[in-house]
Amino acid sequence: MINTLLQLLKSRTVLFALLLAVLSILQGYVFLLHISPVQQMFVGIGLSVIVTILRIITTQPISSK
C-alpha cells in the first residue's frame, strides 16, 4: 500500500490534483481569491487545459514509475 502511494506521488497529474484540493480547501475557509463568476470560468478553463496537457504528456502508467 505504501509503495502504491509513493508511486502515485510521482505522477504530475496526481500532484496537480492534490494541489487543487488544498487550494479548494483554502478558498472555502479564507476566501483566498476574490474573483467574479467570469474569472472563475476562465480559471476552470485553465485548469481543464492543464489537466489535458498532463494527460497528453503522460507516457507510462503509474504502476511503472
Protein backbone atom coordinates (compact mmCIF):
# COMPACT_ATOMS: atom_id res chain seq x y z
CA MET A 1 0.00 0.00 0.00
CA ILE A 2 2.81 2.43 0.87
CA ASN A 3 4.51 1.61 -2.43
CA THR A 4 1.31 2.41 -4.31
CA LEU A 5 1.02 5.79 -2.56
CA LEU A 6 4.65 6.60 -3.34
CA GLN A 7 4.07 5.70 -6.99
CA LEU A 8 1.03 7.99 -7.09
CA LEU A 9 3.09 10.88 -5.75
CA LYS A 10 5.45 10.53 -8.72
CA SER A 11 2.61 11.45 -11.07
CA ARG A 12 2.41 15.12 -12.09
CA THR A 13 -1.32 14.73 -12.66
CA VAL A 14 -1.85 13.39 -9.13
CA LEU A 15 0.34 16.12 -7.62
CA PHE A 16 -1.64 18.74 -9.54
CA ALA A 17 -4.90 17.23 -8.25
CA LEU A 18 -3.58 17.35 -4.67
CA LEU A 19 -2.59 20.99 -5.12
CA LEU A 20 -6.08 21.79 -6.42
CA ALA A 21 -7.63 20.03 -3.43
CA VAL A 22 -5.53 22.08 -0.99
CA LEU A 23 -6.31 25.33 -2.80
CA SER A 24 -10.02 24.48 -2.83
CA ILE A 25 -9.97 23.90 0.92
CA LEU A 26 -8.14 27.18 1.49
CA GLN A 27 -10.57 29.01 -0.77
CA GLY A 28 -13.50 27.64 1.19
CA TYR A 29 -12.11 28.77 4.53
CA VAL A 30 -10.34 32.04 3.85
CA PHE A 31 -11.78 33.19 0.51
CA LEU A 32 -8.26 33.37 -0.88
CA LEU A 33 -9.42 34.58 -4.29
CA HIS A 34 -11.96 37.36 -4.66
CA ILE A 35 -12.95 36.80 -8.27
CA SER A 36 -16.09 37.23 -10.32
CA PRO A 37 -18.03 34.36 -11.93
CA VAL A 38 -16.47 35.23 -15.32
CA GLN A 39 -12.99 34.99 -13.82
CA GLN A 40 -13.98 31.68 -12.19
CA MET A 41 -14.95 30.45 -15.65
CA PHE A 42 -11.51 31.31 -17.02
CA VAL A 43 -9.82 29.60 -14.06
CA GLY A 44 -11.91 26.47 -14.76
CA ILE A 45 -10.93 26.53 -18.42
CA GLY A 46 -7.28 26.95 -17.47
CA LEU A 47 -7.45 24.00 -15.07
CA SER A 48 -9.06 21.86 -17.75
CA VAL A 49 -6.30 22.75 -20.20
CA ILE A 50 -3.58 21.89 -17.66
CA VAL A 51 -5.15 18.51 -16.87
CA THR A 52 -5.48 17.77 -20.59
CA ILE A 53 -1.83 18.67 -21.21
CA LEU A 54 -0.71 16.49 -18.32
CA ARG A 55 -2.73 13.62 -19.75
CA ILE A 56 -1.22 14.10 -23.21
CA ILE A 57 2.37 14.10 -21.93
CA THR A 58 1.82 11.03 -19.77
CA THR A 59 3.89 8.26 -21.31
CA GLN A 60 3.70 5.48 -18.77
CA PRO A 61 1.26 4.11 -16.21
CA ILE A 62 1.73 4.96 -12.55
CA SER A 63 2.50 1.34 -11.77
CA SER A 64 5.73 1.51 -13.79
CA LYS A 65 7.10 4.64 -12.10
